[in-house]
C-alpha atoms as a PDB file:
ATOM      1  CA  MET A   1      69.540 199.941 154.857  1.00  0.00           C
ATOM      2  CA  GLY A   2      69.613 203.828 154.973  1.00  0.00           C
ATOM      3  CA  LYS A   3      69.328 203.885 158.701  1.00  0.00           C
ATOM      4  CA  PHE A   4      72.252 201.469 159.029  1.00  0.00           C
ATOM      5  CA  ILE A   5      74.377 203.654 156.934  1.00  0.00           C
ATOM      6  CA  LYS A   6      73.560 206.653 158.978  1.00  0.00           C
ATOM      7  CA  PHE A   7      74.212 204.826 162.238  1.00  0.00           C
ATOM      8  CA  PHE A   8      77.566 203.449 160.958  1.00  0.00           C
ATOM      9  CA  THR A   9      78.584 206.894 159.687  1.00  0.00           C
ATOM     10  CA  LEU A  10      77.796 208.347 163.041  1.00  0.00           C
ATOM     11  CA  LEU A  11      79.641 205.611 164.920  1.00  0.00           C
ATOM     12  CA  LEU A  12      82.770 206.158 162.787  1.00  0.00           C
ATOM     13  CA  THR A  13      82.547 209.894 163.398  1.00  0.00           C
ATOM     14  CA  CYS A  14      82.400 209.472 167.163  1.00  0.00           C
ATOM     15  CA  LEU A  15      85.338 206.989 167.034  1.00  0.00           C
ATOM     16  CA  PHE A  16      87.421 209.472 164.907  1.00  0.00           C
ATOM     17  CA  ILE A  17      86.736 212.356 167.278  1.00  0.00           C
ATOM     18  CA  SER A  18      87.695 210.212 170.387  1.00  0.00           C
ATOM     19  CA  LEU A  19      90.848 209.038 168.712  1.00  0.00           C
ATOM     20  CA  SER A  20      91.932 212.581 167.682  1.00  0.00           C
ATOM     21  CA  ALA A  21      91.213 214.170 171.086  1.00  0.00           C
ATOM     22  CA  SER A  22      94.253 215.456 172.769  1.00  0.00           C
ATOM     23  CA  ALA A  23      95.774 213.571 175.782  1.00  0.00           C
ATOM     24  CA  ASP A  24      96.769 215.171 179.113  1.00  0.00           C
ATOM     25  CA  ILE A  25     100.318 214.543 180.373  1.00  0.00           C
ATOM     26  CA  LYS A  26     100.999 215.297 183.992  1.00  0.00           C
ATOM     27  CA  VAL A  27     104.566 216.108 184.980  1.00  0.00           C
ATOM     28  CA  SER A  28     105.762 216.236 188.576  1.00  0.00           C
ATOM     29  CA  VAL A  29     108.293 219.041 188.635  1.00  0.00           C
ATOM     30  CA  GLY A  30     110.828 219.980 191.375  1.00  0.00           C
ATOM     31  CA  ASP A  31     112.324 223.310 192.187  1.00  0.00           C
ATOM     32  CA  MET A  32     109.245 225.430 191.303  1.00  0.00           C
ATOM     33  CA  THR A  33     108.722 228.021 193.985  1.00  0.00           C
ATOM     34  CA  CYS A  34     106.719 230.923 192.519  1.00  0.00           C
ATOM     35  CA  GLU A  35     104.524 232.289 189.755  1.00  0.00           C
ATOM     36  CA  SER A  36     107.635 233.444 187.878  1.00  0.00           C
ATOM     37  CA  CYS A  37     108.700 229.734 187.696  1.00  0.00           C
ATOM     38  CA  ALA A  38     105.226 228.903 186.394  1.00  0.00           C
ATOM     39  CA  ASN A  39     105.470 231.566 183.729  1.00  0.00           C
ATOM     40  CA  THR A  40     108.858 230.331 182.626  1.00  0.00           C
ATOM     41  CA  ILE A  41     107.542 226.856 182.074  1.00  0.00           C
ATOM     42  CA  LYS A  42     104.540 228.027 180.317  1.00  0.00           C
ATOM     43  CA  LYS A  43     106.550 230.239 177.912  1.00  0.00           C
ATOM     44  CA  GLY A  44     108.905 227.266 177.336  1.00  0.00           C
ATOM     45  CA  PHE A  45     106.087 224.984 176.360  1.00  0.00           C
ATOM     46  CA  ALA A  46     104.487 227.584 174.255  1.00  0.00           C
ATOM     47  CA  LYS A  47     107.486 227.255 171.909  1.00  0.00           C
ATOM     48  CA  VAL A  48     107.062 223.494 171.557  1.00  0.00           C
ATOM     49  CA  SER A  49     104.745 222.747 168.384  1.00  0.00           C
ATOM     50  CA  GLU A  50     103.212 219.719 169.808  1.00  0.00           C
ATOM     51  CA  ILE A  51     101.763 221.314 172.885  1.00  0.00           C
ATOM     52  CA  GLU A  52      98.247 222.815 172.838  1.00  0.00           C
ATOM     53  CA  SER A  53      98.270 224.151 176.440  1.00  0.00           C
ATOM     54  CA  CYS A  54     100.233 224.142 179.550  1.00  0.00           C
ATOM     55  CA  GLU A  55      98.881 224.513 183.050  1.00  0.00           C
ATOM     56  CA  VAL A  56     101.206 224.941 186.014  1.00  0.00           C
ATOM     57  CA  ASP A  57     100.290 224.273 189.811  1.00  0.00           C
ATOM     58  CA  VAL A  58     103.337 225.641 191.641  1.00  0.00           C
ATOM     59  CA  ASP A  59     102.162 224.497 195.141  1.00  0.00           C
ATOM     60  CA  GLY A  60     101.406 220.990 193.811  1.00  0.00           C
ATOM     61  CA  GLY A  61     104.586 220.872 191.790  1.00  0.00           C
ATOM     62  CA  LEU A  62     102.555 219.806 188.771  1.00  0.00           C
ATOM     63  CA  VAL A  63     102.663 220.809 185.119  1.00  0.00           C
ATOM     64  CA  THR A  64      99.784 219.599 183.049  1.00  0.00           C
ATOM     65  CA  LEU A  65     100.294 219.540 179.293  1.00  0.00           C
ATOM     66  CA  LYS A  66      97.705 219.010 176.660  1.00  0.00           C
ATOM     67  CA  VAL A  67      99.039 217.563 173.405  1.00  0.00           C
ATOM     68  CA  LYS A  68      97.562 218.808 170.070  1.00  0.00           C
ATOM     69  CA  ALA A  69      95.310 216.377 168.182  1.00  0.00           C
ATOM     70  CA  LYS A  70      97.291 213.981 166.000  1.00  0.00           C
ATOM     71  CA  LYS A  71     100.503 215.061 167.619  1.00  0.00           C
ATOM     72  CA  GLU A  72     102.870 213.184 169.974  1.00  0.00           C
ATOM     73  CA  ILE A  73     105.613 214.281 172.215  1.00  0.00           C
ATOM     74  CA  SER A  74     108.165 211.979 173.844  1.00  0.00           C
ATOM     75  CA  ASP A  75     108.914 212.007 177.613  1.00  0.00           C
ATOM     76  CA  GLU A  76     112.549 212.945 176.744  1.00  0.00           C
ATOM     77  CA  LYS A  77     111.320 216.054 174.964  1.00  0.00           C
ATOM     78  CA  ILE A  78     109.208 216.930 177.836  1.00  0.00           C
ATOM     79  CA  LYS A  79     112.132 216.384 180.290  1.00  0.00           C
ATOM     80  CA  SER A  80     114.679 218.289 178.274  1.00  0.00           C
ATOM     81  CA  THR A  81     112.338 221.218 177.877  1.00  0.00           C
ATOM     82  CA  ILE A  82     111.834 221.500 181.673  1.00  0.00           C
ATOM     83  CA  GLU A  83     115.353 220.931 182.479  1.00  0.00           C
ATOM     84  CA  HIS A  84     116.430 223.539 179.931  1.00  0.00           C
ATOM     85  CA  TYR A  85     114.825 226.051 182.141  1.00  0.00           C
ATOM     86  CA  GLY A  86     116.450 224.879 185.406  1.00  0.00           C
ATOM     87  CA  TYR A  87     113.780 222.552 186.864  1.00  0.00           C
ATOM     88  CA  THR A  88     113.869 218.934 187.544  1.00  0.00           C
ATOM     89  CA  VAL A  89     111.330 216.221 186.461  1.00  0.00           C
ATOM     90  CA  LYS A  90     110.282 213.837 189.113  1.00  0.00           C
ATOM     91  CA  GLY A  91     107.881 211.822 187.024  1.00  0.00           C
ATOM     92  CA  ILE A  92     105.596 211.824 183.918  1.00  0.00           C
ATOM     93  CA  LYS A  93     102.163 210.374 183.805  1.00  0.00           C
ATOM     94  CA  ARG A  94     100.087 210.022 180.512  1.00  0.00           C
ATOM     95  CA  ASP A  95      96.276 210.044 180.697  1.00  0.00           C
ATOM     96  CA  SER A  96      94.682 208.144 177.884  1.00  0.00           C
END
């Protein structure tokens, strides 16, 4: 019985960790042409409480956002944040 309880506890712990892991969101962005553009977007998302990190690939036109554990952010908030700084959103894809 003791082994079963230890196994079940370990299983629940693993499940909790996987559910609380942050998700990546990939945003296709237009009008980015340089590192200054990348820095503007990074600084903009640094002000958004739900975002853990922001990576920008200017050449690929891609912004990758990592959402904090137990947090969510809407597509609309992502779009409005990017558009606030003068860029266009071409698409948003969420990884699970």
